[in-house]
Amino acid sequence: MSYDRALTVFSPDGRLFQVEYALQAVSKGNTCVALKGKDSVVIGVERKAAAKLQDPRTMKKIYSLDDGIALASAGWTADSRVIVDKARLECQTHRRNYEDAPTVIHVTRYVADLQQKFTQSGGVRPFGVSCLIAGFDPHGEEPRLFRTNPAGTWTGCYAAALGRSDKPVTEYLEKEYDIETPPEGDSAIKLIIGALEGVVEGGASSIDIAIMKKGQPVIFMKQSDIVGLAEELKREKEAEDMD
């Protein structure tokens, strides 16, 4: 029996190799990170270098699912687009059936259930994608942030990182992020830049950042603003070192 090819068959030691292969695909994807601020969510992703004749607008890693809900992914981009399309349809269906916007946790559970179904069905393979799903509930004030993986597991987070450099980014966040007093405004953006700048090829010029606030659409920062904040962060670190 070839356990690494049979999706629905456990190996003798209780492993599903196809799911582990999907997790490996995620670990080789572009890095993405998100954190909850006091009244906002900030998402940062490593932007892949575009070829000269490519339209960079078609290479997004941050997607808007519904009013107040966004998704960032690490892994196979083609797989993430399928998940995004299905999640958007679920949001529309929820609005039609219940005449109310879906909650962030509802969308997270839907995405996680979808990923889990593809770990136990013949003729398919697991999605090679992990997701960060963030936003605001229609009747809540607190920002929400969740992560899912190809096995269908989902967890709530204060801050999280996915992709090829998730370990050093997570270590940086664990050191700099204060759960009791979450960062806000430029401080939250600088924390995202600081987490990604050291692991992304090209530095701040290769980072995309989206900001979400209650009752507002997803705001994508201009590249010049990101670079400007990165330079400001560098000056602050140099001043601290001199002190």
C-alpha atoms as a PDB file:
ATOM      1  CA  MET A   1       0.000   0.000   0.000  1.00  0.00           C
ATOM      2  CA  SER A   2       1.368   3.386  -1.008  1.00  0.00           C
ATOM      3  CA  TYR A   3       0.243   5.487   1.935  1.00  0.00           C
ATOM      4  CA  ASP A   4       1.711   8.690   0.538  1.00  0.00           C
ATOM      5  CA  ARG A   5      -0.547   8.469  -2.532  1.00  0.00           C
ATOM      6  CA  ALA A   6      -3.777   7.246  -0.929  1.00  0.00           C
ATOM      7  CA  LEU A   7      -5.516  10.306   0.486  1.00  0.00           C
ATOM      8  CA  THR A   8      -8.134   8.458   2.535  1.00  0.00           C
ATOM      9  CA  VAL A   9      -5.850   5.781   4.019  1.00  0.00           C
ATOM     10  CA  PHE A  10      -3.959   6.304   7.260  1.00  0.00           C
ATOM     11  CA  SER A  11      -0.378   5.073   7.450  1.00  0.00           C
ATOM     12  CA  PRO A  12       0.346   2.513  10.202  1.00  0.00           C
ATOM     13  CA  ASP A  13       1.536   5.302  12.519  1.00  0.00           C
ATOM     14  CA  GLY A  14      -1.661   7.353  11.996  1.00  0.00           C
ATOM     15  CA  ARG A  15      -0.475   9.895   9.447  1.00  0.00           C
ATOM     16  CA  LEU A  16      -2.078  11.250   6.287  1.00  0.00           C
ATOM     17  CA  PHE A  17       0.874  12.002   4.066  1.00  0.00           C
ATOM     18  CA  GLN A  18      -1.131  13.996   1.508  1.00  0.00           C
ATOM     19  CA  VAL A  19      -2.142  16.457   4.234  1.00  0.00           C
ATOM     20  CA  GLU A  20       1.475  16.744   5.351  1.00  0.00           C
ATOM     21  CA  TYR A  21       2.498  17.427   1.748  1.00  0.00           C
ATOM     22  CA  ALA A  22      -0.096  20.208   1.614  1.00  0.00           C
ATOM     23  CA  LEU A  23       1.404  21.716   4.768  1.00  0.00           C
ATOM     24  CA  GLN A  24       4.802  21.596   3.058  1.00  0.00           C
ATOM     25  CA  ALA A  25       3.334  23.553   0.137  1.00  0.00           C
ATOM     26  CA  VAL A  26       2.190  26.216   2.606  1.00  0.00           C
ATOM     27  CA  SER A  27       5.637  26.372   4.214  1.00  0.00           C
ATOM     28  CA  LYS A  28       7.139  27.255   0.812  1.00  0.00           C
ATOM     29  CA  GLY A  29       4.607  29.984   0.015  1.00  0.00           C
ATOM     30  CA  ASN A  30       5.037  33.733   0.342  1.00  0.00           C
ATOM     31  CA  THR A  31       4.995  34.963   3.923  1.00  0.00           C
ATOM     32  CA  CYS A  32       1.871  36.666   5.264  1.00  0.00           C
ATOM     33  CA  VAL A  33       1.176  38.059   8.720  1.00  0.00           C
ATOM     34  CA  ALA A  34      -1.747  39.694  10.502  1.00  0.00           C
ATOM     35  CA  LEU A  35      -2.379  41.200  13.922  1.00  0.00           C
ATOM     36  CA  LYS A  36      -5.258  42.666  15.884  1.00  0.00           C
ATOM     37  CA  GLY A  37      -4.933  46.253  17.013  1.00  0.00           C
ATOM     38  CA  LYS A  38      -7.150  48.022  19.507  1.00  0.00           C
ATOM     39  CA  ASP A  39      -9.865  48.739  16.933  1.00  0.00           C
ATOM     40  CA  SER A  40      -8.357  47.526  13.665  1.00  0.00           C
ATOM     41  CA  VAL A  41      -6.746  44.574  11.928  1.00  0.00           C
ATOM     42  CA  VAL A  42      -3.564  44.949   9.876  1.00  0.00           C
ATOM     43  CA  ILE A  43      -2.557  42.350   7.276  1.00  0.00           C
ATOM     44  CA  GLY A  44       0.838  42.256   5.570  1.00  0.00           C
ATOM     45  CA  VAL A  45       1.993  39.932   2.791  1.00  0.00           C
ATOM     46  CA  GLU A  46       5.153  39.351   0.840  1.00  0.00           C
ATOM     47  CA  ARG A  47       4.566  40.492  -2.726  1.00  0.00           C
ATOM     48  CA  LYS A  48       6.008  38.315  -5.427  1.00  0.00           C
ATOM     49  CA  ALA A  49       8.176  40.113  -7.972  1.00  0.00           C
ATOM     50  CA  ALA A  50       6.138  40.640 -11.137  1.00  0.00           C
ATOM     51  CA  ALA A  51       7.568  40.114 -14.590  1.00  0.00           C
ATOM     52  CA  LYS A  52       7.930  43.231 -16.713  1.00  0.00           C
ATOM     53  CA  LEU A  53       4.804  42.529 -18.776  1.00  0.00           C
ATOM     54  CA  GLN A  54       2.621  41.288 -15.906  1.00  0.00           C
ATOM     55  CA  ASP A  55      -0.117  43.350 -14.290  1.00  0.00           C
ATOM     56  CA  PRO A  56       0.731  43.343 -10.543  1.00  0.00           C
ATOM     57  CA  ARG A  57      -2.939  43.919  -9.659  1.00  0.00           C
ATOM     58  CA  THR A  58      -3.657  40.311 -10.679  1.00  0.00           C
ATOM     59  CA  MET A  59      -1.152  38.905  -8.168  1.00  0.00           C
ATOM     60  CA  LYS A  60      -2.940  39.795  -4.949  1.00  0.00           C
ATOM     61  CA  LYS A  61      -2.613  37.751  -1.768  1.00  0.00           C
ATOM     62  CA  ILE A  62      -5.200  39.698   0.235  1.00  0.00           C
ATOM     63  CA  TYR A  63      -8.846  39.287  -0.756  1.00  0.00           C
ATOM     64  CA  SER A  64     -12.049  40.963   0.396  1.00  0.00           C
ATOM     65  CA  LEU A  65     -14.725  38.331   1.118  1.00  0.00           C
ATOM     66  CA  ASP A  66     -17.545  40.542   2.385  1.00  0.00           C
ATOM     67  CA  ASP A  67     -18.084  43.930   4.019  1.00  0.00           C
ATOM     68  CA  GLY A  68     -15.691  43.846   6.962  1.00  0.00           C
ATOM     69  CA  ILE A  69     -14.084  40.453   6.231  1.00  0.00           C
ATOM     70  CA  ALA A  70     -10.795  39.794   4.418  1.00  0.00           C
ATOM     71  CA  LEU A  71      -8.615  36.762   3.763  1.00  0.00           C
ATOM     72  CA  ALA A  72      -4.862  36.407   3.226  1.00  0.00           C
ATOM     73  CA  SER A  73      -3.309  33.142   2.097  1.00  0.00           C
ATOM     74  CA  ALA A  74       0.009  31.336   1.929  1.00  0.00           C
ATOM     75  CA  GLY A  75       0.588  28.429  -0.436  1.00  0.00           C
ATOM     76  CA  TRP A  76      -0.831  27.651  -3.866  1.00  0.00           C
ATOM     77  CA  THR A  77      -2.442  30.802  -5.273  1.00  0.00           C
ATOM     78  CA  ALA A  78      -4.750  28.803  -7.566  1.00  0.00           C
ATOM     79  CA  ASP A  79      -6.108  26.901  -4.562  1.00  0.00           C
ATOM     80  CA  SER A  80      -6.630  30.096  -2.572  1.00  0.00           C
ATOM     81  CA  ARG A  81      -8.694  31.600  -5.404  1.00  0.00           C
ATOM     82  CA  VAL A  82     -11.031  28.604  -5.327  1.00  0.00           C
ATOM     83  CA  ILE A  83     -11.456  29.004  -1.555  1.00  0.00           C
ATOM     84  CA  VAL A  84     -12.043  32.754  -1.936  1.00  0.00           C
ATOM     85  CA  ASP A  85     -14.731  32.240  -4.595  1.00  0.00           C
ATOM     86  CA  LYS A  86     -16.539  29.659  -2.456  1.00  0.00           C
ATOM     87  CA  ALA A  87     -16.255  31.830   0.668  1.00  0.00           C
ATOM     88  CA  ARG A  88     -17.670  34.842  -1.183  1.00  0.00           C
ATOM     89  CA  LEU A  89     -20.608  32.747  -2.380  1.00  0.00           C
ATOM     90  CA  GLU A  90     -21.205  31.551   1.192  1.00  0.00           C
ATOM     91  CA  CYS A  91     -21.255  35.178   2.401  1.00  0.00           C
ATOM     92  CA  GLN A  92     -23.849  36.077  -0.237  1.00  0.00           C
ATOM     93  CA  THR A  93     -25.927  32.994   0.601  1.00  0.00           C
ATOM     94  CA  HIS A  94     -25.858  33.888   4.300  1.00  0.00           C
ATOM     95  CA  ARG A  95     -27.087  37.412   3.531  1.00  0.00           C
ATOM     96  CA  ARG A  96     -29.908  36.057   1.362  1.00  0.00           C
ATOM     97  CA  ASN A  97     -31.033  33.421   3.886  1.00  0.00           C
ATOM     98  CA  TYR A  98     -30.715  35.415   7.110  1.00  0.00           C
ATOM     99  CA  GLU A  99     -30.851  39.040   5.880  1.00  0.00           C
ATOM    100  CA  ASP A 100     -27.750  39.784   7.901  1.00  0.00           C
ATOM    101  CA  ALA A 101     -24.014  39.898   7.254  1.00  0.00           C
ATOM    102  CA  PRO A 102     -22.019  36.780   8.191  1.00  0.00           C
ATOM    103  CA  THR A 103     -19.713  36.823  11.201  1.00  0.00           C
ATOM    104  CA  VAL A 104     -15.974  36.295  10.864  1.00  0.00           C
ATOM    105  CA  ILE A 105     -16.129  33.015  12.766  1.00  0.00           C
ATOM    106  CA  HIS A 106     -18.920  31.746  10.478  1.00  0.00           C
ATOM    107  CA  VAL A 107     -16.741  32.342   7.420  1.00  0.00           C
ATOM    108  CA  THR A 108     -13.748  30.778   9.183  1.00  0.00           C
ATOM    109  CA  ARG A 109     -15.700  27.633  10.042  1.00  0.00           C
ATOM    110  CA  TYR A 110     -16.954  27.400   6.469  1.00  0.00           C
ATOM    111  CA  VAL A 111     -13.416  27.647   5.036  1.00  0.00           C
ATOM    112  CA  ALA A 112     -12.052  25.164   7.592  1.00  0.00           C
ATOM    113  CA  ASP A 113     -14.877  22.682   6.895  1.00  0.00           C
ATOM    114  CA  LEU A 114     -14.229  23.008   3.162  1.00  0.00           C
ATOM    115  CA  GLN A 115     -10.536  22.289   3.649  1.00  0.00           C
ATOM    116  CA  GLN A 116     -11.302  19.322   5.929  1.00  0.00           C
ATOM    117  CA  LYS A 117     -13.680  17.745   3.408  1.00  0.00           C
ATOM    118  CA  PHE A 118     -10.831  17.597   0.925  1.00  0.00           C
ATOM    119  CA  THR A 119      -8.811  15.424   3.318  1.00  0.00           C
ATOM    120  CA  GLN A 120     -11.262  12.503   3.335  1.00  0.00           C
ATOM    121  CA  SER A 121     -12.710  12.285  -0.177  1.00  0.00           C
ATOM    122  CA  GLY A 122     -11.509  10.121  -3.032  1.00  0.00           C
ATOM    123  CA  GLY A 123     -10.536  11.700  -6.327  1.00  0.00           C
ATOM    124  CA  VAL A 124      -9.466  15.008  -4.774  1.00  0.00           C
ATOM    125  CA  ARG A 125      -6.441  16.356  -2.945  1.00  0.00           C
ATOM    126  CA  PRO A 126      -6.131  18.709   0.050  1.00  0.00           C
ATOM    127  CA  PHE A 127      -5.927  22.446  -0.592  1.00  0.00           C
ATOM    128  CA  GLY A 128      -2.288  23.518  -0.448  1.00  0.00           C
ATOM    129  CA  VAL A 129      -3.256  26.710   1.365  1.00  0.00           C
ATOM    130  CA  SER A 130      -3.390  28.130   4.871  1.00  0.00           C
ATOM    131  CA  CYS A 131      -5.527  31.210   5.467  1.00  0.00           C
ATOM    132  CA  LEU A 132      -5.688  34.201   7.769  1.00  0.00           C
ATOM    133  CA  ILE A 133      -9.274  35.439   8.029  1.00  0.00           C
ATOM    134  CA  ALA A 134      -9.831  38.786   9.725  1.00  0.00           C
ATOM    135  CA  GLY A 135     -12.433  41.466  10.165  1.00  0.00           C
ATOM    136  CA  PHE A 136     -15.342  42.682  12.272  1.00  0.00           C
ATOM    137  CA  ASP A 137     -18.654  41.058  13.135  1.00  0.00           C
ATOM    138  CA  PRO A 138     -21.758  43.021  12.040  1.00  0.00           C
ATOM    139  CA  HIS A 139     -22.838  43.656  15.656  1.00  0.00           C
ATOM    140  CA  GLY A 140     -19.468  43.588  17.384  1.00  0.00           C
ATOM    141  CA  GLU A 141     -16.770  46.157  18.009  1.00  0.00           C
ATOM    142  CA  GLU A 142     -13.758  43.918  18.630  1.00  0.00           C
ATOM    143  CA  PRO A 143     -11.574  42.897  15.658  1.00  0.00           C
ATOM    144  CA  ARG A 144     -11.418  39.166  14.963  1.00  0.00           C
ATOM    145  CA  LEU A 145      -8.542  37.120  13.555  1.00  0.00           C
ATOM    146  CA  PHE A 146      -8.446  33.397  12.762  1.00  0.00           C
ATOM    147  CA  ARG A 147      -6.155  31.028  10.901  1.00  0.00           C
ATOM    148  CA  THR A 148      -6.901  27.764   9.088  1.00  0.00           C
ATOM    149  CA  ASN A 149      -4.657  25.057   7.624  1.00  0.00           C
ATOM    150  CA  PRO A 150      -5.028  22.309   4.982  1.00  0.00           C
ATOM    151  CA  ALA A 151      -6.108  19.773   7.628  1.00  0.00           C
ATOM    152  CA  GLY A 152      -9.204  21.871   8.374  1.00  0.00           C
ATOM    153  CA  THR A 153      -8.048  23.075  11.789  1.00  0.00           C
ATOM    154  CA  TRP A 154      -8.903  26.655  12.770  1.00  0.00           C
ATOM    155  CA  THR A 155      -7.762  28.755  15.712  1.00  0.00           C
ATOM    156  CA  GLY A 156      -8.293  32.290  16.966  1.00  0.00           C
ATOM    157  CA  CYS A 157      -5.218  34.514  17.217  1.00  0.00           C
ATOM    158  CA  TYR A 158      -4.029  37.887  18.424  1.00  0.00           C
ATOM    159  CA  ALA A 159      -1.328  37.788  15.753  1.00  0.00           C
ATOM    160  CA  ALA A 160      -0.264  35.072  13.316  1.00  0.00           C
ATOM    161  CA  ALA A 161       2.148  34.346  10.479  1.00  0.00           C
ATOM    162  CA  LEU A 162       2.042  31.865   7.594  1.00  0.00           C
ATOM    163  CA  GLY A 163       4.405  30.863   4.810  1.00  0.00           C
ATOM    164  CA  ARG A 164       8.074  30.151   4.301  1.00  0.00           C
ATOM    165  CA  SER A 165       9.366  32.474   7.030  1.00  0.00           C
ATOM    166  CA  ASP A 166       6.592  31.980   9.578  1.00  0.00           C
ATOM    167  CA  LYS A 167       8.935  30.906  12.407  1.00  0.00           C
ATOM    168  CA  PRO A 168      11.169  34.017  12.590  1.00  0.00           C
ATOM    169  CA  VAL A 169       8.149  36.261  12.008  1.00  0.00           C
ATOM    170  CA  THR A 170       6.221  34.529  14.801  1.00  0.00           C
ATOM    171  CA  GLU A 171       9.212  34.876  17.131  1.00  0.00           C
ATOM    172  CA  TYR A 172       9.374  38.597  16.324  1.00  0.00           C
ATOM    173  CA  LEU A 173       5.664  39.020  17.052  1.00  0.00           C
ATOM    174  CA  GLU A 174       5.907  37.077  20.307  1.00  0.00           C
ATOM    175  CA  LYS A 175       8.643  39.457  21.405  1.00  0.00           C
ATOM    176  CA  GLU A 176       7.113  42.752  20.224  1.00  0.00           C
ATOM    177  CA  TYR A 177       3.336  42.253  20.405  1.00  0.00           C
ATOM    178  CA  ASP A 178       1.671  43.125  23.718  1.00  0.00           C
ATOM    179  CA  ILE A 179      -1.674  41.373  24.184  1.00  0.00           C
ATOM    180  CA  GLU A 180      -2.679  43.670  27.060  1.00  0.00           C
ATOM    181  CA  THR A 181      -2.055  46.866  25.065  1.00  0.00           C
ATOM    182  CA  PRO A 182      -2.380  46.036  21.365  1.00  0.00           C
ATOM    183  CA  PRO A 183      -0.720  48.450  18.942  1.00  0.00           C
ATOM    184  CA  GLU A 184      -2.792  50.924  16.985  1.00  0.00           C
ATOM    185  CA  GLY A 185      -2.447  53.106  13.899  1.00  0.00           C
ATOM    186  CA  ASP A 186       1.097  53.546  12.624  1.00  0.00           C
ATOM    187  CA  SER A 187       2.454  51.441  15.515  1.00  0.00           C
ATOM    188  CA  ALA A 188       0.550  48.377  14.263  1.00  0.00           C
ATOM    189  CA  ILE A 189       1.696  48.977  10.689  1.00  0.00           C
ATOM    190  CA  LYS A 190       5.317  49.379  11.804  1.00  0.00           C
ATOM    191  CA  LEU A 191       5.066  46.111  13.721  1.00  0.00           C
ATOM    192  CA  ILE A 192       3.945  44.362  10.527  1.00  0.00           C
ATOM    193  CA  ILE A 193       6.763  45.991   8.546  1.00  0.00           C
ATOM    194  CA  GLY A 194       9.321  45.084  11.189  1.00  0.00           C
ATOM    195  CA  ALA A 195       8.133  41.469  11.179  1.00  0.00           C
ATOM    196  CA  LEU A 196       8.328  41.120   7.388  1.00  0.00           C
ATOM    197  CA  GLU A 197      11.192  43.400   6.391  1.00  0.00           C
ATOM    198  CA  GLY A 198      13.923  41.074   7.618  1.00  0.00           C
ATOM    199  CA  VAL A 199      12.623  37.983   5.805  1.00  0.00           C
ATOM    200  CA  VAL A 200      11.245  39.424   2.558  1.00  0.00           C
ATOM    201  CA  GLU A 201      13.489  39.792  -0.459  1.00  0.00           C
ATOM    202  CA  GLY A 202      13.484  43.439  -1.457  1.00  0.00           C
ATOM    203  CA  GLY A 203      12.519  44.713   2.004  1.00  0.00           C
ATOM    204  CA  ALA A 204       9.642  47.160   2.432  1.00  0.00           C
ATOM    205  CA  SER A 205       9.261  47.641  -1.324  1.00  0.00           C
ATOM    206  CA  SER A 206       8.096  44.006  -1.563  1.00  0.00           C
ATOM    207  CA  ILE A 207       5.384  44.233   1.095  1.00  0.00           C
ATOM    208  CA  ASP A 208       1.657  44.796   0.629  1.00  0.00           C
ATOM    209  CA  ILE A 209      -0.382  45.967   3.634  1.00  0.00           C
ATOM    210  CA  ALA A 210      -4.142  46.156   4.138  1.00  0.00           C
ATOM    211  CA  ILE A 211      -5.910  47.859   7.044  1.00  0.00           C
ATOM    212  CA  MET A 212      -9.409  47.036   8.278  1.00  0.00           C
ATOM    213  CA  LYS A 213     -11.525  49.186  10.593  1.00  0.00           C
ATOM    214  CA  LYS A 214     -15.080  48.836  11.810  1.00  0.00           C
ATOM    215  CA  GLY A 215     -17.624  49.974   9.223  1.00  0.00           C
ATOM    216  CA  GLN A 216     -14.986  50.747   6.587  1.00  0.00           C
ATOM    217  CA  PRO A 217     -13.874  48.891   3.443  1.00  0.00           C
ATOM    218  CA  VAL A 218     -10.452  47.276   3.290  1.00  0.00           C
ATOM    219  CA  ILE A 219      -7.804  49.960   2.749  1.00  0.00           C
ATOM    220  CA  PHE A 220      -4.671  48.991   0.794  1.00  0.00           C
ATOM    221  CA  MET A 221      -1.687  51.178   1.621  1.00  0.00           C
ATOM    222  CA  LYS A 222       0.284  52.931  -1.095  1.00  0.00           C
ATOM    223  CA  GLN A 223       3.769  51.557  -1.666  1.00  0.00           C
ATOM    224  CA  SER A 224       5.328  54.956  -0.977  1.00  0.00           C
ATOM    225  CA  ASP A 225       3.603  55.117   2.428  1.00  0.00           C
ATOM    226  CA  ILE A 226       4.893  51.653   3.360  1.00  0.00           C
ATOM    227  CA  VAL A 227       8.456  52.579   2.412  1.00  0.00           C
ATOM    228  CA  GLY A 228       8.144  55.860   4.318  1.00  0.00           C
ATOM    229  CA  LEU A 229       7.042  54.081   7.513  1.00  0.00           C
ATOM    230  CA  ALA A 230       9.846  51.539   7.066  1.00  0.00           C
ATOM    231  CA  GLU A 231      12.402  54.349   6.937  1.00  0.00           C
ATOM    232  CA  GLU A 232      10.831  55.952  10.002  1.00  0.00           C
ATOM    233  CA  LEU A 233      11.029  52.615  11.837  1.00  0.00           C
ATOM    234  CA  LYS A 234      14.698  52.305  10.895  1.00  0.00           C
ATOM    235  CA  ARG A 235      15.458  55.758  12.302  1.00  0.00           C
ATOM    236  CA  GLU A 236      13.661  54.905  15.539  1.00  0.00           C
ATOM    237  CA  LYS A 237      15.720  51.724  15.959  1.00  0.00           C
ATOM    238  CA  GLU A 238      18.948  53.620  15.276  1.00  0.00           C
ATOM    239  CA  ALA A 239      17.993  56.214  17.915  1.00  0.00           C
ATOM    240  CA  GLU A 240      17.285  53.437  20.432  1.00  0.00           C
ATOM    241  CA  ASP A 241      20.668  51.828  19.728  1.00  0.00           C
ATOM    242  CA  MET A 242      22.431  55.144  20.290  1.00  0.00           C
ATOM    243  CA  ASP A 243      20.679  55.581  23.645  1.00  0.00           C
END
